[in-house]
Amino acid sequence: MVGNEWLVIGMIVGFLGLMIIGIPVAISLAVSGFVAGYLGFGSTLFSLMPARLYGVVTNYTLLAIPLFVFMGVMLEKSKVAENMLETIGKAMGGVNGGMGLAIILVGVLMGASTGIVGATVVTVGLLTLPVLMRRGYSPSVSCGTICASGTLGQIIPPSLVLILLSDIVGESVGALFAAAFIPGLILAAIYIAYLLLLGVFKKDMVPAIPQEERAQTSGRQLAKDLMAHVMPPLLLVIAVLGSIVGGIAAPTEAASMGALGALLIAIATKRMTPALLKETLHGTLVISAMVFFILLCAQPFALAFRGLGGENMVHALFEMLPGGEFGAILFLMALLFVLGFFLEWIEISYIALPMFLPVFMNYGTDMVWLAIMVAMNLQMSFLTPPFGWALFFLKGVAPKGITTRDIYVGALPFVALQLLALVVLFQFPSLVTWLPEAIGW
């Protein structure tokens, strides 16, 4: 058994080492898992793999992933997000920090309709960052607000993170969607409160749109624009999420209706073209293939870890921690936070989390609450330097004059705000569990 424990440690070290030298994450997972598994119990690993891989590709719930991705990419490519941002920006422009508030509100709507961090950050960054600079906004505040708004799609349903976590923790997607609804809105409200405070105490960092410019758009025209550009995606989100949370439709069925709804919105706005459809299908294929490839490559790693006794090592580690269940949760949250500096959420979800779940099952921890805590924690991995993907996405589209330092410094206050939200959920679990229990999940 001692030899197997060293194999487990070697497998983890090997995985990290392969990543450090630049090997793609999926390949690093597969290679380290196969090598350690073969050294530990020979060719038996290869006979077990087909069933594991077949279980992933035939998982009915995971079929919702490409459908939700299609819905999000279609709404992004058809300029629905651009119209929403422009309209909400005009509505909020009279307030100090109003453009920032508009970006957060669009992040909520985009998160609930796309769930794709890259699409939201790139779209909002291209549209607003030059405008914010012209209006005198602080570069760091602008960059942090855009990056933070883009990550809201990881906690606000429908979220790919929540779909995968439901598969890992063994809870229904509907229960996690319902549980994440209030925490997602709380996080958005914390962001908004931060920007409003900046508007009060640091007006020069987040100035309002001048009255002369706001006067160019009448109240009637603004109301018309809100109905035309904000209501359709909002109604689509309500229909999709409502059908899942209300138990009317399974996540996959609701996702298919969401994809159809996004198509109809593109047609209704007269933006549907063969080129747009081709671009949307290509984007959906690339994102979905990336997710599923990592899921498949994670199977040999997870299988070897369990077969070599890795779970027993984890149990022994947690038994040494003080504080029982809450001490274990704090340790898990701290570990996930640190891993988020270096790894993507998919690897953390399918490698780190399954190692620790049996411990919390033995404690009788509410898996829905734990999953939402994990999702909120994983969301921070998109903002934490040096490898936060939202930071990279924004740097790729930032205009001249915006430095990497501006982006990193701007993200740090929002990381602190996410930590605050995580503490709130830890102290008040009912914020997570109330809605699922109220509707019978």
Protein backbone atom coordinates (compact mmCIF):
# COMPACT_ATOMS: atom_id res chain seq x y z
CA MET A 1 0.00 0.00 0.00
CA VAL A 2 2.92 2.32 0.74
CA GLY A 3 4.13 1.91 -2.84
CA ASN A 4 0.70 2.84 -4.17
CA GLU A 5 0.66 5.99 -2.06
CA TRP A 6 3.92 7.06 -3.61
CA LEU A 7 2.44 6.35 -7.04
CA VAL A 8 -0.49 8.66 -6.22
CA ILE A 9 1.88 11.43 -5.16
CA GLY A 10 4.03 10.83 -8.25
CA MET A 11 0.95 10.97 -10.47
CA ILE A 12 -0.11 14.36 -9.07
CA VAL A 13 3.44 15.74 -9.27
CA GLY A 14 3.78 14.39 -12.81
CA PHE A 15 0.53 16.05 -13.86
CA LEU A 16 1.66 19.41 -12.49
CA GLY A 17 5.12 19.00 -14.02
CA LEU A 18 3.73 18.27 -17.50
CA MET A 19 1.55 21.36 -17.29
CA ILE A 20 4.45 23.55 -16.17
CA ILE A 21 6.52 22.56 -19.23
CA GLY A 22 3.64 23.49 -21.52
CA ILE A 23 1.83 20.20 -22.21
CA PRO A 24 -1.95 20.80 -22.65
CA VAL A 25 -3.96 20.06 -19.54
CA ALA A 26 -6.01 17.26 -21.08
CA ILE A 27 -2.92 15.43 -22.33
CA SER A 28 -1.19 15.93 -18.95
CA LEU A 29 -4.16 14.35 -17.18
CA ALA A 30 -4.34 11.35 -19.49
CA VAL A 31 -0.60 10.62 -19.57
CA SER A 32 -0.06 10.90 -15.80
CA GLY A 33 -3.17 8.81 -15.13
CA PHE A 34 -2.28 6.05 -17.59
CA VAL A 35 1.35 5.81 -16.47
CA ALA A 36 0.56 5.68 -12.74
CA GLY A 37 -2.37 3.33 -13.32
CA TYR A 38 -0.32 0.93 -15.40
CA LEU A 39 2.52 0.89 -12.86
CA GLY A 40 0.00 0.30 -10.07
CA PHE A 41 -2.21 -2.47 -11.43
CA GLY A 42 -1.09 -3.27 -14.95
CA SER A 43 -3.35 -3.60 -17.97
CA THR A 44 -6.48 -3.82 -15.81
CA LEU A 45 -6.78 -0.05 -16.14
CA PHE A 46 -7.21 -0.33 -19.90
CA SER A 47 -10.03 -2.84 -19.54
CA LEU A 48 -11.90 -0.49 -17.21
CA MET A 49 -11.52 2.65 -19.35
CA PRO A 50 -14.08 1.92 -22.13
CA ALA A 51 -16.96 1.81 -19.66
CA ARG A 52 -15.85 5.09 -18.05
CA LEU A 53 -15.51 6.87 -21.40
CA TYR A 54 -18.83 5.49 -22.61
CA GLY A 55 -20.48 6.77 -19.45
CA VAL A 56 -19.26 10.31 -20.18
CA VAL A 57 -20.30 10.48 -23.84
CA THR A 58 -23.74 8.94 -23.17
CA ASN A 59 -24.55 11.10 -20.14
CA TYR A 60 -27.92 12.65 -21.02
CA THR A 61 -27.44 15.63 -18.71
CA LEU A 62 -24.12 16.58 -20.29
CA LEU A 63 -25.91 16.85 -23.65
CA ALA A 64 -27.18 20.20 -22.34
CA ILE A 65 -23.64 21.63 -22.59
CA PRO A 66 -23.42 22.02 -26.42
CA LEU A 67 -27.04 23.22 -26.53
CA PHE A 68 -26.47 25.95 -23.94
CA VAL A 69 -23.20 26.85 -25.65
CA PHE A 70 -25.05 27.18 -28.97
CA MET A 71 -27.63 29.46 -27.34
CA GLY A 72 -24.91 31.67 -25.89
CA VAL A 73 -22.78 31.86 -29.02
CA MET A 74 -25.80 32.65 -31.18
CA LEU A 75 -26.88 35.52 -28.90
CA GLU A 76 -23.33 36.86 -28.84
CA LYS A 77 -22.67 36.59 -32.58
CA SER A 78 -26.05 38.09 -33.52
CA LYS A 79 -25.16 41.32 -31.62
CA VAL A 80 -27.92 40.88 -29.04
CA ALA A 81 -25.40 41.57 -26.28
CA GLU A 82 -24.16 44.70 -28.04
CA ASN A 83 -27.68 46.14 -28.26
CA MET A 84 -28.39 45.28 -24.61
CA LEU A 85 -25.23 47.01 -23.46
CA GLU A 86 -25.88 50.18 -25.43
CA THR A 87 -29.49 50.43 -24.23
CA ILE A 88 -28.80 49.74 -20.54
CA GLY A 89 -25.79 52.08 -20.67
CA LYS A 90 -28.02 54.94 -21.81
CA ALA A 91 -30.56 54.14 -19.08
CA MET A 92 -27.93 54.15 -16.31
CA GLY A 93 -25.66 56.89 -17.65
CA GLY A 94 -26.88 59.69 -15.38
CA VAL A 95 -25.42 58.06 -12.27
CA ASN A 96 -21.78 58.28 -11.22
CA GLY A 97 -20.51 54.83 -12.13
CA GLY A 98 -23.59 54.31 -14.29
CA MET A 99 -21.70 52.79 -17.20
CA GLY A 100 -20.09 50.35 -14.78
CA LEU A 101 -23.52 49.45 -13.38
CA ALA A 102 -24.72 48.83 -16.93
CA ILE A 103 -21.80 46.49 -17.53
CA ILE A 104 -22.66 44.48 -14.39
CA LEU A 105 -26.36 44.27 -15.36
CA VAL A 106 -25.41 43.15 -18.86
CA GLY A 107 -23.06 40.62 -17.24
CA VAL A 108 -26.04 39.22 -15.33
CA LEU A 109 -28.15 38.96 -18.48
CA MET A 110 -25.27 37.63 -20.57
CA GLY A 111 -24.38 35.15 -17.85
CA ALA A 112 -27.96 33.91 -17.74
CA SER A 113 -28.11 33.61 -21.52
CA THR A 114 -24.58 32.59 -22.56
CA GLY A 115 -22.68 31.31 -19.55
CA ILE A 116 -19.46 31.74 -21.58
CA VAL A 117 -16.84 33.89 -19.87
CA GLY A 118 -14.73 34.46 -22.97
CA ALA A 119 -17.67 35.61 -25.09
CA THR A 120 -18.91 38.04 -22.45
CA VAL A 121 -15.50 39.54 -21.59
CA VAL A 122 -14.46 39.95 -25.23
CA THR A 123 -17.81 41.40 -26.31
CA VAL A 124 -18.12 43.83 -23.40
CA GLY A 125 -14.42 44.72 -23.56
CA LEU A 126 -14.53 45.57 -27.26
CA LEU A 127 -17.69 47.63 -26.91
CA THR A 128 -17.11 49.50 -23.65
CA LEU A 129 -13.43 49.79 -22.77
CA PRO A 130 -12.62 52.48 -25.39
CA VAL A 131 -15.83 54.34 -24.45
CA LEU A 132 -15.03 54.19 -20.73
CA MET A 133 -11.54 55.56 -21.40
CA ARG A 134 -12.99 58.48 -23.39
CA ARG A 135 -15.42 59.26 -20.57
CA GLY A 136 -12.61 59.49 -18.02
CA TYR A 137 -13.12 56.22 -16.17
CA SER A 138 -10.16 54.83 -14.26
CA PRO A 139 -8.43 52.17 -16.42
CA SER A 140 -8.14 49.72 -13.51
CA VAL A 141 -11.80 50.13 -12.46
CA SER A 142 -12.92 49.72 -16.07
CA CYS A 143 -10.88 46.55 -16.58
CA GLY A 144 -11.92 45.03 -13.26
CA THR A 145 -15.60 45.72 -13.89
CA ILE A 146 -15.53 44.14 -17.35
CA CYS A 147 -13.67 41.04 -16.16
CA ALA A 148 -15.92 40.61 -13.12
CA SER A 149 -19.11 41.01 -15.15
CA GLY A 150 -17.92 38.31 -17.53
CA THR A 151 -17.40 35.80 -14.73
CA LEU A 152 -20.99 36.15 -13.45
CA GLY A 153 -21.97 33.53 -16.03
CA GLN A 154 -20.15 30.92 -13.94
CA ILE A 155 -22.52 31.24 -10.97
CA ILE A 156 -25.72 32.54 -12.57
CA PRO A 157 -27.61 29.65 -14.22
CA PRO A 158 -27.58 28.17 -16.77
CA SER A 159 -23.89 27.68 -16.11
CA LEU A 160 -21.56 25.03 -17.49
CA VAL A 161 -19.91 24.91 -14.06
CA LEU A 162 -23.21 24.01 -12.41
CA ILE A 163 -24.02 21.36 -15.02
CA LEU A 164 -20.69 19.62 -14.48
CA LEU A 165 -20.88 19.98 -10.69
CA SER A 166 -24.31 18.36 -10.71
CA ASP A 167 -22.75 15.33 -12.37
CA ILE A 168 -19.85 15.26 -9.89
CA VAL A 169 -21.81 15.68 -6.64
CA GLY A 170 -24.78 13.58 -7.77
CA GLU A 171 -27.44 16.30 -7.42
CA SER A 172 -29.96 17.36 -10.05
CA VAL A 173 -29.16 20.26 -12.36
CA GLY A 174 -32.47 21.88 -11.43
CA ALA A 175 -31.57 21.88 -7.73
CA LEU A 176 -28.20 23.54 -8.39
CA PHE A 177 -29.74 26.08 -10.76
CA ALA A 178 -32.30 27.03 -8.11
CA ALA A 179 -29.63 27.11 -5.39
CA ALA A 180 -27.31 29.37 -7.43
CA PHE A 181 -29.96 31.93 -8.33
CA ILE A 182 -29.91 33.95 -5.09
CA PRO A 183 -26.09 33.74 -4.59
CA GLY A 184 -25.58 34.96 -8.16
CA LEU A 185 -27.80 37.97 -7.59
CA ILE A 186 -26.11 38.65 -4.23
CA LEU A 187 -22.71 38.73 -5.92
CA ALA A 188 -24.00 41.09 -8.62
CA ALA A 189 -25.51 43.30 -5.90
CA ILE A 190 -22.15 43.42 -4.08
CA TYR A 191 -20.47 44.53 -7.32
CA ILE A 192 -23.12 47.22 -7.83
CA ALA A 193 -22.75 48.46 -4.24
CA TYR A 194 -18.98 48.73 -4.75
CA LEU A 195 -19.41 50.82 -7.90
CA LEU A 196 -22.01 53.04 -6.23
CA LEU A 197 -19.61 53.67 -3.34
CA LEU A 198 -16.91 54.59 -5.83
CA GLY A 199 -19.42 56.97 -7.43
CA VAL A 200 -19.91 58.66 -4.06
CA PHE A 201 -16.34 58.80 -2.77
CA LYS A 202 -14.25 58.63 -5.97
CA LYS A 203 -16.38 60.46 -8.55
CA ASP A 204 -13.40 61.21 -10.75
CA MET A 205 -12.81 57.46 -11.25
CA VAL A 206 -16.38 56.73 -12.46
CA PRO A 207 -17.94 59.95 -13.88
CA ALA A 208 -21.52 60.15 -15.14
CA ILE A 209 -22.45 60.72 -18.79
CA PRO A 210 -22.88 64.48 -19.42
CA GLN A 211 -26.47 65.77 -19.42
CA GLU A 212 -26.17 67.11 -22.99
CA GLU A 213 -25.36 63.66 -24.31
CA ARG A 214 -28.14 61.98 -22.33
CA ALA A 215 -30.64 64.53 -23.62
CA GLN A 216 -30.12 63.25 -27.16
CA THR A 217 -32.17 60.13 -26.35
CA SER A 218 -35.80 60.73 -25.36
CA GLY A 219 -37.52 58.74 -22.64
CA ARG A 220 -39.92 57.25 -25.19
CA GLN A 221 -37.08 56.09 -27.42
CA LEU A 222 -35.26 54.62 -24.44
CA ALA A 223 -38.35 52.67 -23.39
CA LYS A 224 -38.74 51.43 -26.95
CA ASP A 225 -35.11 50.30 -27.06
CA LEU A 226 -35.48 48.48 -23.74
CA MET A 227 -38.48 46.55 -25.09
CA ALA A 228 -36.72 45.75 -28.36
CA HIS A 229 -33.23 44.87 -27.14
CA VAL A 230 -33.52 43.74 -23.51
CA MET A 231 -36.89 42.00 -23.25
CA PRO A 232 -36.36 39.19 -25.83
CA PRO A 233 -33.21 37.71 -24.24
CA LEU A 234 -34.66 38.31 -20.77
CA LEU A 235 -37.83 36.39 -21.63
CA LEU A 236 -35.75 33.61 -23.17
CA VAL A 237 -33.72 33.28 -19.97
CA ILE A 238 -36.86 33.25 -17.82
CA ALA A 239 -38.44 30.58 -20.01
CA VAL A 240 -35.36 28.32 -20.01
CA LEU A 241 -34.51 28.64 -16.32
CA GLY A 242 -38.13 28.63 -15.23
CA SER A 243 -38.81 25.36 -17.03
CA ILE A 244 -35.79 23.69 -15.37
CA VAL A 245 -36.23 25.06 -11.86
CA GLY A 246 -39.99 24.54 -12.00
CA GLY A 247 -39.54 20.91 -12.98
CA ILE A 248 -41.40 21.35 -16.28
CA ALA A 249 -38.49 20.27 -18.47
CA ALA A 250 -35.21 18.42 -18.03
CA PRO A 251 -32.06 20.53 -18.48
CA THR A 252 -31.34 19.03 -21.89
CA GLU A 253 -34.89 19.68 -23.10
CA ALA A 254 -34.81 23.25 -21.79
CA ALA A 255 -31.40 23.78 -23.40
CA SER A 256 -32.78 22.68 -26.78
CA MET A 257 -35.61 25.18 -26.43
CA GLY A 258 -33.07 27.85 -25.48
CA ALA A 259 -31.07 27.10 -28.62
CA LEU A 260 -34.25 27.35 -30.69
CA GLY A 261 -35.19 30.60 -28.94
CA ALA A 262 -31.79 32.11 -29.72
CA LEU A 263 -32.27 31.18 -33.38
CA LEU A 264 -35.71 32.83 -33.42
CA ILE A 265 -34.33 36.02 -31.81
CA ALA A 266 -31.63 36.20 -34.48
CA ILE A 267 -34.25 35.73 -37.19
CA ALA A 268 -36.61 38.30 -35.63
CA THR A 269 -33.83 40.90 -35.48
CA LYS A 270 -33.02 40.17 -39.15
CA ARG A 271 -29.45 39.19 -38.38
CA MET A 272 -29.64 35.53 -39.30
CA THR A 273 -27.43 34.73 -42.28
CA PRO A 274 -25.69 31.53 -43.46
CA ALA A 275 -22.37 33.03 -42.38
CA LEU A 276 -23.70 33.74 -38.88
CA LEU A 277 -25.07 30.20 -38.54
CA LYS A 278 -21.78 28.71 -39.72
CA GLU A 279 -19.79 30.87 -37.30
CA THR A 280 -22.10 29.92 -34.43
CA LEU A 281 -21.87 26.20 -35.17
CA HIS A 282 -18.09 26.41 -35.40
CA GLY A 283 -17.84 28.24 -32.07
CA THR A 284 -20.17 25.72 -30.43
CA LEU A 285 -18.12 22.82 -31.77
CA VAL A 286 -14.81 24.24 -30.54
CA ILE A 287 -16.05 25.04 -27.01
CA SER A 288 -17.97 21.78 -26.59
CA ALA A 289 -15.09 19.67 -27.94
CA MET A 290 -12.69 21.33 -25.49
CA VAL A 291 -14.95 20.60 -22.51
CA PHE A 292 -15.64 16.98 -23.46
CA PHE A 293 -12.01 16.27 -24.36
CA ILE A 294 -10.91 17.36 -20.89
CA LEU A 295 -13.70 15.29 -19.32
CA LEU A 296 -12.59 12.20 -21.23
CA CYS A 297 -8.91 12.71 -20.44
CA ALA A 298 -9.74 13.15 -16.76
CA GLN A 299 -11.14 9.62 -16.55
CA PRO A 300 -7.83 7.67 -16.46
CA PHE A 301 -6.50 10.09 -13.83
CA ALA A 302 -9.60 9.72 -11.65
CA LEU A 303 -9.67 5.95 -12.11
CA ALA A 304 -5.99 5.56 -11.21
CA PHE A 305 -6.34 7.88 -8.21
CA ARG A 306 -9.21 5.85 -6.79
CA GLY A 307 -7.68 2.46 -7.63
CA LEU A 308 -4.32 3.33 -6.04
CA GLY A 309 -5.91 4.35 -2.76
CA GLY A 310 -5.83 8.09 -3.18
CA GLU A 311 -9.17 8.46 -1.37
CA ASN A 312 -7.71 6.82 1.75
CA MET A 313 -4.87 9.33 1.70
CA VAL A 314 -7.35 12.19 1.51
CA HIS A 315 -9.40 10.76 4.39
CA ALA A 316 -6.24 10.53 6.50
CA LEU A 317 -5.35 14.13 5.61
CA PHE A 318 -8.77 15.46 6.63
CA GLU A 319 -8.71 13.50 9.89
CA MET A 320 -5.64 15.50 10.89
CA LEU A 321 -7.42 18.82 10.35
CA PRO A 322 -8.94 20.59 13.37
CA GLY A 323 -12.54 21.78 13.38
CA GLY A 324 -14.33 18.74 11.99
CA GLU A 325 -16.71 19.41 9.09
CA PHE A 326 -16.29 23.19 9.07
CA GLY A 327 -12.52 22.91 9.29
CA ALA A 328 -12.61 20.55 6.32
CA ILE A 329 -14.79 22.96 4.32
CA LEU A 330 -12.46 25.87 5.09
CA PHE A 331 -9.47 23.78 4.01
CA LEU A 332 -11.23 22.80 0.76
CA MET A 333 -12.14 26.42 0.00
CA ALA A 334 -8.57 27.58 0.66
CA LEU A 335 -7.16 24.79 -1.52
CA LEU A 336 -9.53 25.51 -4.41
CA PHE A 337 -8.70 29.22 -4.17
CA VAL A 338 -4.96 28.50 -4.44
CA LEU A 339 -5.45 26.00 -7.28
CA GLY A 340 -7.44 28.68 -9.11
CA PHE A 341 -4.25 30.71 -9.54
CA PHE A 342 -2.82 27.98 -11.76
CA LEU A 343 -5.56 25.65 -13.06
CA GLU A 344 -8.81 26.01 -14.97
CA TRP A 345 -12.12 25.29 -13.31
CA ILE A 346 -12.72 22.10 -15.33
CA GLU A 347 -9.50 20.46 -14.10
CA ILE A 348 -10.19 21.59 -10.53
CA SER A 349 -13.74 20.23 -10.72
CA TYR A 350 -12.85 16.82 -12.10
CA ILE A 351 -9.52 16.28 -10.35
CA ALA A 352 -9.47 18.03 -6.98
CA LEU A 353 -13.15 17.92 -6.06
CA PRO A 354 -13.81 14.16 -6.48
CA MET A 355 -10.84 13.48 -4.19
CA PHE A 356 -12.56 15.23 -1.29
CA LEU A 357 -16.25 14.49 -1.84
CA PRO A 358 -16.32 11.17 0.07
CA VAL A 359 -15.08 13.01 3.16
CA PHE A 360 -18.01 15.43 3.08
CA MET A 361 -20.48 12.65 2.31
CA ASN A 362 -19.33 10.95 5.52
CA TYR A 363 -19.90 14.21 7.39
CA GLY A 364 -23.42 14.44 5.93
CA THR A 365 -22.68 17.85 4.36
CA ASP A 366 -25.46 19.32 2.21
CA MET A 367 -24.10 18.62 -1.27
CA VAL A 368 -26.15 21.40 -2.90
CA TRP A 369 -24.72 23.99 -0.50
CA LEU A 370 -21.20 22.63 -0.96
CA ALA A 371 -21.55 22.66 -4.76
CA ILE A 372 -22.58 26.33 -4.81
CA MET A 373 -19.72 27.22 -2.47
CA VAL A 374 -17.35 25.42 -4.85
CA ALA A 375 -18.89 27.17 -7.88
CA MET A 376 -18.44 30.59 -6.25
CA ASN A 377 -14.85 29.67 -5.43
CA LEU A 378 -14.12 28.39 -8.93
CA GLN A 379 -15.48 31.63 -10.35
CA MET A 380 -12.56 33.44 -8.73
CA SER A 381 -10.11 31.36 -10.79
CA PHE A 382 -11.08 33.47 -13.81
CA LEU A 383 -9.96 36.65 -12.02
CA THR A 384 -6.92 35.60 -10.00
CA PRO A 385 -3.52 36.45 -11.48
CA PRO A 386 -1.36 35.18 -13.07
CA PHE A 387 -3.53 32.76 -15.09
CA GLY A 388 -7.07 34.15 -14.76
CA TRP A 389 -8.67 33.56 -18.14
CA ALA A 390 -10.89 36.65 -17.95
CA LEU A 391 -7.72 38.74 -17.59
CA PHE A 392 -6.19 37.11 -20.68
CA PHE A 393 -9.40 37.56 -22.70
CA LEU A 394 -9.54 41.27 -21.89
CA LYS A 395 -5.84 41.82 -22.58
CA GLY A 396 -6.38 40.35 -26.04
CA VAL A 397 -8.93 43.02 -26.99
CA ALA A 398 -7.78 45.96 -24.85
CA PRO A 399 -6.92 49.19 -26.73
CA LYS A 400 -3.49 50.78 -26.58
CA GLY A 401 -2.74 52.41 -23.28
CA ILE A 402 -4.28 49.60 -21.20
CA THR A 403 -1.47 47.70 -19.49
CA THR A 404 -1.41 44.25 -17.93
CA ARG A 405 -0.94 46.01 -14.58
CA ASP A 406 -4.21 47.94 -15.11
CA ILE A 407 -6.05 44.65 -15.68
CA TYR A 408 -4.49 42.82 -12.73
CA VAL A 409 -4.90 45.73 -10.30
CA GLY A 410 -8.50 46.25 -11.44
CA ALA A 411 -9.37 42.58 -10.85
CA LEU A 412 -8.08 42.41 -7.26
CA PRO A 413 -10.96 44.38 -5.60
CA PHE A 414 -13.46 42.13 -7.33
CA VAL A 415 -11.62 39.03 -6.11
CA ALA A 416 -11.98 40.47 -2.59
CA LEU A 417 -15.71 41.04 -3.23
CA GLN A 418 -16.10 37.44 -4.36
CA LEU A 419 -14.37 36.29 -1.18
CA LEU A 420 -16.86 38.43 0.75
CA ALA A 421 -19.75 36.73 -1.08
CA LEU A 422 -18.23 33.32 -0.29
CA VAL A 423 -18.03 34.22 3.41
CA VAL A 424 -21.69 35.30 3.33
CA LEU A 425 -22.75 31.95 1.83
CA PHE A 426 -20.63 30.09 4.40
CA GLN A 427 -22.23 31.99 7.29
CA PHE A 428 -25.79 31.82 5.92
CA PRO A 429 -26.33 28.47 4.12
CA SER A 430 -30.07 29.18 3.86
CA LEU A 431 -29.30 31.71 1.10
CA VAL A 432 -28.36 28.67 -0.98
CA THR A 433 -30.80 26.05 0.28
CA TRP A 434 -34.00 28.09 0.71
CA LEU A 435 -35.14 28.28 -2.92
CA PRO A 436 -34.54 24.60 -3.81
CA GLU A 437 -36.41 23.55 -0.66
CA ALA A 438 -39.22 26.04 -1.30
CA ILE A 439 -39.95 24.63 -4.76
CA GLY A 440 -39.48 21.00 -3.72
CA TRP A 441 -36.09 20.04 -5.15
